[in-house]
């Protein structure tokens, strides 16, 4: 039975333009009319009822660059301009042949009618044992289909016939059964290009489909895992992982990675001797909990809801609203939560040496995995480094609130509240603008480390702590500015500017946090004056006087008189 696709008005216009170009090329000396096909992802998405603005156009008899050049030439013809304004075609971006990067044939990217278009020739591939970059040459539609990573990505739409072509003989069937399957033998397919392992996971996760059992078996093979480590650049691994975590269903992707034994293949570092410390036995607890946290309400998961699920739901709502929802960029925050969840198994892994030869504390292994294993950018590496560095402090500050004794007299309670606000606020300042992400990392780490029967109490504790922080108006404590400038402090203390000033300004901030209603700079200065010893200013002054005295003694002409005075005093 012939399968067709209903085109939108814009897609139909694009199809007719391309067919007109093909017909024009057929009239030129020495050239035959090329057969054109929409290929790959666009066909898959259209059959699934999903629109797409990215279209690959497969050409059977010439390179994409030659076709694009002739398209430009066609649009300059008077008869073409009567049908298609020349402005319909954007600038042609030529991608040169580059055998070292598997670009053996010229291709072109351009924009037509608002669509991102890739003009590529149909091709076949031959792989070397030590590289994922294939030798490419012109191929038939069948050869082009069979070289692809999945049968559902190997479907073509023939522009001339207006019908779907399934040269693997199973793409439409696999789509109906919702299966990701390689067109050829999976072991050979993944060994030729191990990046296809991650692409299979990404497509299965995005679509909510399963992976063929034979494909899963090949993906878990030790030789394939080794090839994925050795043949694929870590930048490409990072790109695929980022796409997975930004797709609608990152939970499924992490579950595939975990179940297929690929964690240490993806999240690896140059120094593999620490990898065995990153335990994944209970990692499932973390990504399952995050899935519940960022998606459905607990009431929707249990019908009818019980008192227990209501209580957990309230805890999750509190955590979600504070860490993910009540801030500007929700998608970015959710992505960061999933990214940090991926690194939870590395949370407790410490550097092999506590410090290097210069006394500097080395980066945490989790940050090194981000930097070397997936080639994350510096901001992402710092996000992960900070989350690991502050992990224990976050847990401790949470426990202070959870364990706090509430039965106190009113004055004592106010004093305790003041101390609590200052301590918690200063901690949030140390954790920085991304403290919410660091707290999410702490939650997921403790969820992984805690048996499931303890999750309810754990989440209630975090919800209680975050609620307290919100009540104390500390969510943005890291933005608080000191009431007093360094210059004013210097004059008030009659001390020259120096290293003491940063500590003094921190004292001011701590005082402001403990006294949220106070706006008097003099009261803040008084607080610092009362703690001059803590700044070392008294000691510094004493040393300064002593040095001046010694200089005077060394230069005075009255040594004899001084000696007499000194002796008389001692007498």
Protein backbone atom coordinates (compact mmCIF):
# COMPACT_ATOMS: atom_id res chain seq x y z
CA UNK A 1 0.00 0.00 0.00
CA UNK A 2 1.38 3.41 -1.02
CA UNK A 3 2.04 5.73 1.91
CA UNK A 4 1.82 9.45 1.32
CA UNK A 5 2.22 12.64 3.35
CA UNK A 6 -0.12 15.60 3.41
CA UNK A 7 1.99 18.70 2.80
CA UNK A 8 1.28 22.12 4.21
CA UNK A 9 0.84 24.97 1.73
CA UNK A 10 4.40 26.14 2.34
CA UNK A 11 5.80 22.61 1.96
CA UNK A 12 3.85 22.15 -1.27
CA UNK A 13 5.33 25.41 -2.61
CA UNK A 14 8.82 24.21 -1.68
CA UNK A 15 8.20 20.85 -3.37
CA UNK A 16 7.07 22.54 -6.61
CA UNK A 17 10.08 24.88 -6.61
CA UNK A 18 12.48 21.95 -6.27
CA UNK A 19 10.72 19.99 -9.01
CA UNK A 20 10.93 23.02 -11.32
CA UNK A 21 14.66 23.28 -10.61
CA UNK A 22 15.05 19.55 -11.34
CA UNK A 23 13.18 19.91 -14.64
CA UNK A 24 15.33 22.91 -15.59
CA UNK A 25 18.54 20.99 -14.89
CA UNK A 26 17.31 18.20 -17.18
CA UNK A 27 17.23 20.67 -20.08
CA UNK A 28 20.90 21.60 -19.71
CA UNK A 29 23.53 19.98 -21.92
CA UNK A 30 25.19 16.93 -20.42
CA UNK A 31 22.96 16.82 -17.36
CA UNK A 32 20.11 14.47 -16.53
CA UNK A 33 17.09 15.41 -14.46
CA UNK A 34 17.94 14.62 -10.81
CA UNK A 35 15.54 12.67 -8.62
CA UNK A 36 14.81 14.51 -5.38
CA UNK A 37 13.69 13.18 -2.00
CA UNK A 38 13.00 14.62 1.43
CA UNK A 39 14.97 12.33 3.75
CA UNK A 40 15.40 11.33 7.37
CA UNK A 41 13.98 13.23 10.31
CA UNK A 42 11.48 15.36 8.40
CA UNK A 43 9.75 12.26 7.00
CA UNK A 44 9.68 10.58 10.41
CA UNK A 45 8.27 13.66 12.12
CA UNK A 46 5.61 14.28 9.48
CA UNK A 47 4.39 10.69 9.74
CA UNK A 48 4.19 11.18 13.51
CA UNK A 49 2.17 14.36 13.06
CA UNK A 50 4.99 16.66 14.15
CA UNK A 51 5.99 19.67 12.08
CA UNK A 52 9.63 20.34 11.24
CA UNK A 53 11.47 23.32 9.80
CA UNK A 54 14.65 21.31 9.05
CA UNK A 55 14.62 19.40 5.78
CA UNK A 56 17.38 17.30 4.19
CA UNK A 57 16.99 16.99 0.44
CA UNK A 58 18.63 13.92 -1.12
CA UNK A 59 19.86 14.27 -4.70
CA UNK A 60 20.70 11.18 -6.74
CA UNK A 61 23.05 12.45 -9.45
CA UNK A 62 25.07 15.47 -8.27
CA UNK A 63 26.50 17.12 -5.18
CA UNK A 64 24.42 19.44 -3.07
CA UNK A 65 26.64 22.37 -4.01
CA UNK A 66 26.15 21.82 -7.74
CA UNK A 67 22.39 21.53 -7.31
CA UNK A 68 22.31 24.72 -5.22
CA UNK A 69 24.35 26.60 -7.83
CA UNK A 70 22.01 25.48 -10.61
CA UNK A 71 19.00 26.43 -8.46
CA UNK A 72 20.43 29.94 -8.23
CA UNK A 73 20.91 29.94 -11.97
CA UNK A 74 17.33 28.79 -12.56
CA UNK A 75 15.88 31.53 -10.38
CA UNK A 76 17.54 34.14 -12.61
CA UNK A 77 15.53 32.90 -15.63
CA UNK A 78 12.52 35.09 -16.61
CA UNK A 79 10.11 32.12 -16.61
CA UNK A 80 11.30 31.17 -13.12
CA UNK A 81 10.89 34.69 -11.77
CA UNK A 82 7.31 34.69 -12.99
CA UNK A 83 6.64 31.70 -10.68
CA UNK A 84 9.22 32.11 -7.91
CA UNK A 85 10.75 35.42 -6.77
CA UNK A 86 14.55 35.14 -6.55
CA UNK A 87 14.36 36.29 -2.93
CA UNK A 88 12.82 32.89 -2.12
CA UNK A 89 16.35 31.43 -1.94
CA UNK A 90 18.66 32.44 0.87
CA UNK A 91 22.44 32.59 0.75
CA UNK A 92 24.06 29.29 -0.19
CA UNK A 93 26.51 28.15 2.48
CA UNK A 94 28.91 25.70 0.89
CA UNK A 95 30.37 22.96 3.08
CA UNK A 96 33.62 21.93 1.43
CA UNK A 97 34.74 18.37 0.98
CA UNK A 98 36.92 17.41 3.96
CA UNK A 99 37.87 13.71 4.07
CA UNK A 100 39.38 14.05 7.56
CA UNK A 101 35.95 14.96 8.91
CA UNK A 102 34.04 12.52 6.73
CA UNK A 103 33.02 15.30 4.32
CA UNK A 104 34.10 13.57 1.11
CA UNK A 105 31.47 15.32 -0.99
CA UNK A 106 30.38 18.93 -1.10
CA UNK A 107 27.07 19.81 0.51
CA UNK A 108 25.11 23.03 0.92
CA UNK A 109 22.98 24.57 3.63
CA UNK A 110 20.54 27.36 2.84
CA UNK A 111 17.19 28.80 3.79
CA UNK A 112 14.16 28.52 1.50
CA UNK A 113 10.67 29.74 2.38
CA UNK A 114 11.61 29.79 6.05
CA UNK A 115 12.93 26.20 6.06
CA UNK A 116 16.49 25.25 7.00
CA UNK A 117 17.57 23.19 4.00
CA UNK A 118 20.50 20.80 3.57
CA UNK A 119 21.21 19.82 -0.02
CA UNK A 120 23.08 16.49 -0.02
CA UNK A 121 23.74 13.75 -2.51
CA UNK A 122 22.60 10.18 -1.84
CA UNK A 123 25.63 8.21 -0.66
CA UNK A 124 27.09 5.02 0.65
CA UNK A 125 29.71 4.66 3.37
CA UNK A 126 32.78 2.55 4.05
CA UNK A 127 34.37 2.57 7.52
CA UNK A 128 37.95 2.08 8.68
CA UNK A 129 38.46 0.08 11.89
CA UNK A 130 39.95 2.97 13.87
CA UNK A 131 37.61 5.79 12.88
CA UNK A 132 33.92 6.67 12.89
CA UNK A 133 34.50 8.96 9.87
CA UNK A 134 33.49 6.97 6.78
CA UNK A 135 34.71 7.09 3.21
CA UNK A 136 31.74 8.42 1.25
CA UNK A 137 30.78 8.17 -2.40
CA UNK A 138 27.66 8.49 -4.50
CA UNK A 139 25.11 5.82 -3.68
CA UNK A 140 21.68 4.54 -4.59
CA UNK A 141 18.57 5.31 -2.53
CA UNK A 142 18.83 1.81 -1.02
CA UNK A 143 22.47 2.31 -0.04
CA UNK A 144 21.69 5.70 1.49
CA UNK A 145 18.82 4.25 3.51
CA UNK A 146 20.84 1.30 4.81
CA UNK A 147 23.71 3.50 6.03
CA UNK A 148 21.42 5.34 8.47
CA UNK A 149 21.26 4.86 12.24
CA UNK A 150 17.64 3.70 12.52
CA UNK A 151 14.99 2.34 10.17
CA UNK A 152 12.55 5.10 11.11
CA UNK A 153 15.21 7.65 10.09
CA UNK A 154 15.71 5.88 6.74
CA UNK A 155 12.31 6.76 5.26
CA UNK A 156 12.23 8.99 2.16
CA UNK A 157 9.55 11.14 0.57
CA UNK A 158 9.83 11.05 -3.25
CA UNK A 159 8.95 14.54 -4.53
CA UNK A 160 8.11 13.32 -8.04
CA UNK A 161 5.80 10.51 -6.89
CA UNK A 162 4.51 12.24 -3.72
CA UNK A 163 4.91 9.03 -1.74
CA UNK A 164 6.92 7.58 1.12
CA UNK A 165 9.68 5.10 0.24
CA UNK A 166 10.85 2.45 2.72
CA UNK A 167 14.02 0.92 1.28
CA UNK A 168 14.80 -0.98 4.50
CA UNK A 169 11.41 -2.76 4.24
CA UNK A 170 10.80 -2.25 7.95
CA UNK A 171 10.87 1.49 8.69
CA UNK A 172 7.08 1.90 8.53
CA UNK A 173 6.55 -1.31 10.49
CA UNK A 174 9.02 -0.25 13.20
CA UNK A 175 7.29 3.11 13.40
CA UNK A 176 3.96 1.41 13.92
CA UNK A 177 5.45 -0.85 16.61
CA UNK A 178 7.38 2.10 18.14
CA UNK A 179 10.80 0.43 17.94
CA UNK A 180 14.25 1.93 17.34
CA UNK A 181 16.19 -0.56 15.20
CA UNK A 182 19.28 -0.33 13.02
CA UNK A 183 18.73 -1.11 9.29
CA UNK A 184 21.70 -3.51 9.24
CA UNK A 185 23.38 -5.78 11.82
CA UNK A 186 23.46 -3.72 15.06
CA UNK A 187 26.93 -4.86 16.18
CA UNK A 188 28.48 -3.86 12.86
CA UNK A 189 26.45 -0.64 12.74
CA UNK A 190 27.51 0.46 16.23
CA UNK A 191 31.11 -0.66 15.75
CA UNK A 192 31.34 1.38 12.54
CA UNK A 193 30.03 4.48 14.29
CA UNK A 194 29.63 4.08 18.08
CA UNK A 195 27.97 7.50 18.34
CA UNK A 196 24.87 5.74 16.98
CA UNK A 197 24.52 4.13 20.42
CA UNK A 198 23.80 7.53 21.95
CA UNK A 199 21.63 8.60 19.03
CA UNK A 200 19.50 5.47 19.46
CA UNK A 201 19.03 6.32 23.14
CA UNK A 202 18.16 9.92 22.27
CA UNK A 203 15.53 8.99 19.69
CA UNK A 204 14.00 6.25 21.85
CA UNK A 205 13.83 8.65 24.81
CA UNK A 206 12.37 11.53 22.83
CA UNK A 207 9.71 9.38 21.16
CA UNK A 208 8.97 7.21 24.18
CA UNK A 209 9.76 4.06 22.18
CA UNK A 210 11.71 0.94 23.05
CA UNK A 211 14.98 -0.16 21.52
CA UNK A 212 15.11 -3.49 19.72
CA UNK A 213 16.42 -6.26 22.00
CA UNK A 214 19.17 -7.23 19.59
CA UNK A 215 20.26 -3.60 19.37
CA UNK A 216 20.30 -3.29 23.16
CA UNK A 217 22.46 -6.39 23.44
CA UNK A 218 24.96 -4.91 20.97
CA UNK A 219 24.92 -1.53 22.75
CA UNK A 220 25.88 -3.24 26.02
CA UNK A 221 28.75 -5.17 24.45
CA UNK A 222 32.17 -4.39 25.93
CA UNK A 223 33.76 -3.92 22.51
CA UNK A 224 31.11 -1.35 21.56
CA UNK A 225 31.60 0.47 24.86
CA UNK A 226 35.35 0.57 24.28
CA UNK A 227 34.83 1.83 20.73
CA UNK A 228 32.53 4.58 22.02
CA UNK A 229 35.32 5.69 24.36
CA UNK A 230 38.13 5.49 21.81
CA UNK A 231 36.61 6.40 18.45
CA UNK A 232 34.24 9.21 19.41
CA UNK A 233 35.45 12.64 20.46
CA UNK A 234 34.21 13.68 23.88
CA UNK A 235 32.74 16.84 22.31
CA UNK A 236 30.35 14.68 20.27
CA UNK A 237 29.41 12.68 23.36
CA UNK A 238 28.69 15.93 25.18
CA UNK A 239 26.53 17.23 22.33
CA UNK A 240 24.39 14.07 22.32
CA UNK A 241 24.05 14.14 26.12
CA UNK A 242 22.99 17.79 26.07
CA UNK A 243 20.32 17.03 23.47
CA UNK A 244 19.03 14.14 25.60
CA UNK A 245 18.81 16.25 28.74
CA UNK A 246 17.09 19.13 26.91
CA UNK A 247 14.57 16.84 25.22
CA UNK A 248 11.15 16.39 26.85
CA UNK A 249 12.06 13.04 28.48
CA UNK A 250 15.59 13.12 29.99
CA UNK A 251 14.47 10.58 32.60
CA UNK A 252 14.15 7.92 29.90
CA UNK A 253 17.61 8.73 28.54
CA UNK A 254 19.32 8.34 31.92
CA UNK A 255 17.39 5.13 32.51
CA UNK A 256 18.65 3.70 29.21
CA UNK A 257 22.24 4.73 30.02
CA UNK A 258 21.96 3.11 33.44
CA UNK A 259 20.23 -0.09 32.36
CA UNK A 260 22.56 -0.70 29.40
CA UNK A 261 25.68 -0.29 31.58
CA UNK A 262 26.88 2.80 29.71
CA UNK A 263 27.31 5.19 32.63
CA UNK A 264 31.11 4.97 32.89
CA UNK A 265 31.41 5.04 29.12
CA UNK A 266 29.61 8.37 28.91
CA UNK A 267 30.67 9.96 32.21
CA UNK A 268 34.36 9.18 32.12
CA UNK A 269 37.63 10.99 32.76
CA UNK A 270 41.20 10.65 31.56
CA UNK A 271 42.24 9.17 34.91
CA UNK A 272 40.06 6.05 35.06
CA UNK A 273 41.48 4.89 38.39
CA UNK A 274 38.76 6.82 40.25
CA UNK A 275 35.85 5.55 38.12
CA UNK A 276 35.13 2.54 40.35
CA UNK A 277 34.37 4.94 43.22
CA UNK A 278 31.43 6.39 41.27
CA UNK A 279 28.72 3.92 42.26
CA UNK A 280 25.56 3.64 40.15
CA UNK A 281 23.74 0.82 42.01
CA UNK A 282 21.26 3.26 43.54
CA UNK A 283 21.46 6.05 40.93
CA UNK A 284 17.98 5.05 39.79
CA UNK A 285 16.56 6.49 43.01
CA UNK A 286 17.86 9.94 42.05
CA UNK A 287 16.61 10.14 38.46
CA UNK A 288 13.27 8.54 39.36
CA UNK A 289 12.74 11.09 42.14
CA UNK A 290 13.72 14.01 39.91
CA UNK A 291 11.27 12.77 37.28
CA UNK A 292 8.46 12.93 39.83
CA UNK A 293 9.67 16.28 41.11
CA UNK A 294 9.71 18.09 37.76
CA UNK A 295 6.72 16.45 36.10
CA UNK A 296 3.50 15.08 37.51
CA UNK A 297 1.79 15.93 40.79
CA UNK A 298 1.82 13.09 43.27
CA UNK A 299 -1.99 13.07 43.42
CA UNK A 300 -2.01 12.17 39.73
CA UNK A 301 0.28 9.22 40.35
CA UNK A 302 -1.93 7.59 42.97
CA UNK A 303 -5.69 7.45 42.62
CA UNK A 304 -7.28 8.08 45.00
CA UNK A 305 -4.54 10.01 46.86
CA UNK A 306 -3.66 8.83 50.34
CA UNK A 307 -2.59 10.94 53.30
CA UNK A 308 0.95 9.73 52.71
CA UNK A 309 1.02 10.78 49.05
CA UNK A 310 -0.59 14.12 49.90
CA UNK A 311 2.17 14.82 52.41
CA UNK A 312 4.90 13.90 49.93
CA UNK A 313 3.15 15.94 47.26
CA UNK A 314 3.18 19.01 49.49
CA UNK A 315 6.91 18.54 50.12
CA UNK A 316 7.58 18.22 46.38
CA UNK A 317 5.50 21.31 45.62
CA UNK A 318 7.51 23.32 48.12
CA UNK A 319 10.83 22.09 46.71
CA UNK A 320 9.69 22.56 43.12
CA UNK A 321 8.36 26.09 43.66
CA UNK A 322 11.54 27.23 45.41
CA UNK A 323 14.19 25.54 43.30
CA UNK A 324 12.59 25.37 39.85
CA UNK A 325 9.43 27.43 39.44
CA UNK A 326 9.77 30.76 41.23
CA UNK A 327 12.69 31.94 39.15
CA UNK A 328 12.97 33.44 35.68
CA UNK A 329 14.32 30.71 33.40
CA UNK A 330 12.45 27.49 34.22
CA UNK A 331 13.72 25.41 31.22
CA UNK A 332 17.35 26.22 32.10
CA UNK A 333 16.79 25.35 35.75
CA UNK A 334 15.17 22.02 34.85
CA UNK A 335 18.02 21.25 32.43
CA UNK A 336 20.58 22.03 35.15
CA UNK A 337 18.70 19.75 37.54
CA UNK A 338 18.93 16.85 35.08
CA UNK A 339 22.56 17.64 34.32
CA UNK A 340 23.45 17.58 38.01
CA UNK A 341 21.44 14.39 38.45
CA UNK A 342 23.69 12.77 35.85
CA UNK A 343 26.73 13.52 38.06
CA UNK A 344 25.27 12.36 41.38
CA UNK A 345 27.26 9.06 41.32
CA UNK A 346 30.43 11.20 41.40
CA UNK A 347 29.25 13.31 44.36
CA UNK A 348 31.34 11.59 47.03
CA UNK A 349 34.40 10.79 44.92
CA UNK A 350 37.36 12.82 46.20
CA UNK A 351 40.59 13.76 44.40
CA UNK A 352 43.39 11.19 44.53
CA UNK A 353 45.60 13.80 46.25
CA UNK A 354 44.17 16.39 48.68
CA UNK A 355 46.32 19.14 47.15
CA UNK A 356 48.98 19.63 44.50
CA UNK A 357 52.60 20.65 44.93
CA UNK A 358 51.64 24.32 45.23
CA UNK A 359 49.14 23.61 47.99
CA UNK A 360 46.13 24.22 45.75
CA UNK A 361 43.10 21.97 46.22
CA UNK A 362 42.52 20.13 42.92
CA UNK A 363 39.20 20.11 41.10
CA UNK A 364 36.66 17.56 42.24
CA UNK A 365 36.51 14.44 40.05
CA UNK A 366 32.88 15.25 39.11
CA UNK A 367 34.06 18.55 37.61
CA UNK A 368 36.89 16.77 35.76
CA UNK A 369 34.38 14.33 34.27
CA UNK A 370 32.32 17.30 33.07
CA UNK A 371 35.39 19.03 31.65
CA UNK A 372 37.15 16.04 30.07
CA UNK A 373 34.38 13.48 29.68
CA UNK A 374 31.71 15.56 27.96
CA UNK A 375 33.74 18.73 27.23
CA UNK A 376 31.31 20.93 29.15
CA UNK A 377 31.82 24.69 29.02
CA UNK A 378 33.39 26.53 31.95
CA UNK A 379 30.05 27.65 33.40
CA UNK A 380 28.79 24.07 33.52
CA UNK A 381 32.03 22.82 35.07
CA UNK A 382 31.76 25.50 37.78
CA UNK A 383 28.11 24.61 38.38
CA UNK A 384 29.07 20.98 39.05
CA UNK A 385 32.20 21.88 41.04
CA UNK A 386 30.24 24.22 43.32
CA UNK A 387 27.48 21.67 43.85
CA UNK A 388 30.00 19.06 45.01
CA UNK A 389 32.09 21.48 47.10
CA UNK A 390 29.04 22.81 48.99
CA UNK A 391 27.29 19.45 49.34
CA UNK A 392 28.13 18.75 52.99
CA UNK A 393 27.57 22.37 54.08
CA UNK A 394 24.11 22.37 52.50
CA UNK A 395 23.17 19.17 54.30
CA UNK A 396 24.45 20.57 57.60
CA UNK A 397 22.52 23.85 57.24
CA UNK A 398 19.39 21.93 56.34
CA UNK A 399 19.81 19.75 59.42
CA UNK A 400 20.17 22.79 61.67
CA UNK A 401 16.68 23.91 60.73
CA UNK A 402 15.14 20.44 60.76
CA UNK A 403 16.58 19.68 64.21
CA UNK A 404 15.87 23.14 65.62
CA UNK A 405 14.08 23.17 68.97
CA UNK A 406 10.90 25.22 68.59
CA UNK A 407 9.74 25.21 72.23
CA UNK A 408 11.55 28.30 73.48
CA UNK A 409 10.54 31.49 75.28
CA UNK A 410 9.77 34.46 73.08
CA UNK A 411 12.98 36.53 73.72
CA UNK A 412 15.15 33.45 73.30
CA UNK A 413 13.26 32.50 70.18
CA UNK A 414 13.86 35.97 68.69
CA UNK A 415 17.56 35.71 69.49
CA UNK A 416 17.71 32.26 67.95
CA UNK A 417 15.82 33.50 64.87
CA UNK A 418 18.32 36.33 64.48
CA UNK A 419 21.29 33.96 64.65
CA UNK A 420 19.60 31.51 62.30
CA UNK A 421 18.88 34.20 59.71
CA UNK A 422 22.45 35.43 59.77
CA UNK A 423 24.00 31.97 59.54
CA UNK A 424 21.68 30.70 56.81
CA UNK A 425 21.95 33.95 54.83
CA UNK A 426 25.75 33.99 54.97
CA UNK A 427 25.76 30.37 53.82
CA UNK A 428 23.59 31.19 50.81
CA UNK A 429 26.00 34.01 49.97
CA UNK A 430 28.91 31.54 50.04
CA UNK A 431 26.99 29.15 47.77
CA UNK A 432 26.38 31.95 45.28
CA UNK A 433 23.71 32.80 42.67
CA UNK A 434 23.25 29.15 41.69
CA UNK A 435 22.66 27.94 45.23
CA UNK A 436 19.30 26.49 44.19
CA UNK A 437 21.03 24.11 41.76
CA UNK A 438 23.50 23.12 44.47
CA UNK A 439 20.61 22.35 46.84
CA UNK A 440 18.94 20.24 44.14
CA UNK A 441 22.20 18.30 43.80
CA UNK A 442 22.27 17.74 47.57
CA UNK A 443 18.68 16.48 47.53
CA UNK A 444 19.36 14.04 44.70
CA UNK A 445 22.59 12.84 46.32
CA UNK A 446 20.83 12.12 49.61
CA UNK A 447 17.92 10.46 47.78
CA UNK A 448 20.42 8.14 46.08
CA UNK A 449 22.11 7.36 49.41
CA UNK A 450 18.88 6.84 51.36
CA UNK A 451 16.71 3.71 51.15
CA UNK A 452 13.31 4.45 49.62
CA UNK A 453 11.47 4.11 52.93
CA UNK A 454 13.42 7.15 54.17
CA UNK A 455 12.64 9.42 51.20
CA UNK A 456 9.47 10.86 52.68
CA UNK A 457 11.22 12.13 55.81
CA UNK A 458 14.18 13.36 53.77
CA UNK A 459 12.03 15.38 51.36
CA UNK A 460 9.92 16.78 54.20
CA UNK A 461 13.14 17.98 55.83
CA UNK A 462 14.27 19.83 52.70
CA UNK A 463 10.78 21.28 52.19
CA UNK A 464 10.80 22.52 55.81
CA UNK A 465 14.25 24.08 55.39
CA UNK A 466 13.40 25.81 52.09
CA UNK A 467 10.14 27.07 53.56
CA UNK A 468 12.10 28.54 56.47
CA UNK A 469 14.54 30.24 54.09
CA UNK A 470 11.59 31.70 52.21
CA UNK A 471 9.92 32.89 55.43
CA UNK A 472 13.18 34.56 56.48
CA UNK A 473 13.32 36.31 53.08
CA UNK A 474 16.72 34.81 52.26
CA UNK A 475 16.11 33.45 48.76
CA UNK A 476 18.12 36.31 47.22
CA UNK A 477 20.55 36.79 50.13
CA UNK A 478 23.50 36.46 47.75
CA UNK A 479 22.49 39.83 46.22
CA UNK A 480 22.51 41.77 49.52
CA UNK A 481 24.79 44.86 49.46
CA UNK A 482 26.50 46.20 52.62
CA UNK A 483 25.06 49.35 54.18
CA UNK A 484 28.57 50.77 54.63
CA UNK A 485 31.31 51.22 52.06
CA UNK A 486 34.90 50.19 52.67
CA UNK A 487 36.01 53.84 52.70
CA UNK A 488 33.55 54.71 55.46
CA UNK A 489 34.73 51.78 57.54
CA UNK A 490 38.34 52.79 57.01
CA UNK A 491 37.64 56.32 58.28
CA UNK A 492 35.47 55.15 61.16
CA UNK A 493 38.14 52.72 62.38
CA UNK A 494 41.01 55.10 61.61
CA UNK A 495 42.74 52.34 59.70
CA UNK A 496 44.31 52.24 56.29
CA UNK A 497 42.56 50.10 53.64
CA UNK A 498 43.85 46.57 53.60
CA UNK A 499 42.92 42.90 53.64
CA UNK A 500 40.84 43.45 56.77
CA UNK A 501 38.20 45.34 54.77
CA UNK A 502 36.64 42.34 53.05
CA UNK A 503 36.20 40.63 56.42
CA UNK A 504 34.74 43.82 57.90
CA UNK A 505 32.22 44.10 55.07
CA UNK A 506 31.20 40.51 55.68
CA UNK A 507 30.60 41.47 59.32
CA UNK A 508 28.33 44.25 58.09
CA UNK A 509 26.38 41.85 55.90
CA UNK A 510 26.05 39.35 58.75
CA UNK A 511 24.77 42.14 61.01
CA UNK A 512 22.25 43.22 58.34
CA UNK A 513 21.01 39.65 58.02
CA UNK A 514 20.60 39.36 61.78
CA UNK A 515 18.80 42.73 61.91
CA UNK A 516 16.68 42.85 58.73
CA UNK A 517 14.76 45.98 59.77
CA UNK A 518 17.85 48.09 60.53
CA UNK A 519 19.03 50.65 57.97
CA UNK A 520 21.35 52.75 60.15
CA UNK A 521 24.96 52.67 58.87
CA UNK A 522 26.25 53.87 62.25
CA UNK A 523 24.81 50.80 63.96
CA UNK A 524 26.60 48.60 61.45
CA UNK A 525 29.86 50.50 62.02
CA UNK A 526 29.41 50.10 65.77
CA UNK A 527 29.12 46.32 65.25
CA UNK A 528 32.44 46.26 63.40
CA UNK A 529 34.14 48.53 65.98
CA UNK A 530 33.17 46.11 68.70
CA UNK A 531 34.97 43.33 66.84
CA UNK A 532 38.20 45.14 65.91
CA UNK A 533 40.23 42.35 67.46
CA UNK A 534 38.67 39.87 65.06
CA UNK A 535 39.99 42.00 62.20
CA UNK A 536 43.53 42.13 63.61
CA UNK A 537 43.47 45.93 63.66
CA UNK A 538 44.46 46.27 67.36
CA UNK A 539 47.38 43.93 66.92
CA UNK A 540 48.45 45.66 63.75
CA UNK A 541 48.39 49.03 65.55
CA UNK A 542 50.52 47.71 68.42
CA UNK A 543 53.09 46.29 66.05
CA UNK A 544 53.14 49.59 64.15
CA UNK A 545 53.87 51.60 67.36
CA UNK A 546 56.59 49.19 68.40
CA UNK A 547 58.33 49.46 65.02
CA UNK A 548 58.22 53.26 65.16
CA UNK A 549 59.71 53.20 68.67
CA UNK A 550 62.53 50.97 67.55
CA UNK A 551 63.29 53.30 64.66
CA UNK A 552 63.40 56.27 67.03
CA UNK A 553 65.69 54.44 69.41
CA UNK A 554 68.02 53.55 66.58
CA UNK A 555 68.31 57.18 65.48
CA UNK A 556 68.27 59.16 68.75
CA UNK A 557 71.43 60.93 70.12
CA UNK A 558 70.28 60.51 73.72
CA UNK A 559 71.25 56.89 74.29
CA UNK A 560 72.95 57.75 77.59
CA UNK A 561 69.93 59.56 78.97
CA UNK A 562 67.62 56.79 77.86
CA UNK A 563 69.85 54.21 79.49
CA UNK A 564 69.79 56.08 82.77
CA UNK A 565 66.04 56.41 82.63
CA UNK A 566 65.71 52.75 81.73
CA UNK A 567 68.00 51.71 84.63
CA UNK A 568 66.19 53.96 87.10
CA UNK A 569 62.87 52.46 86.04
CA UNK A 570 64.17 48.95 86.49
CA UNK A 571 65.57 49.89 89.94
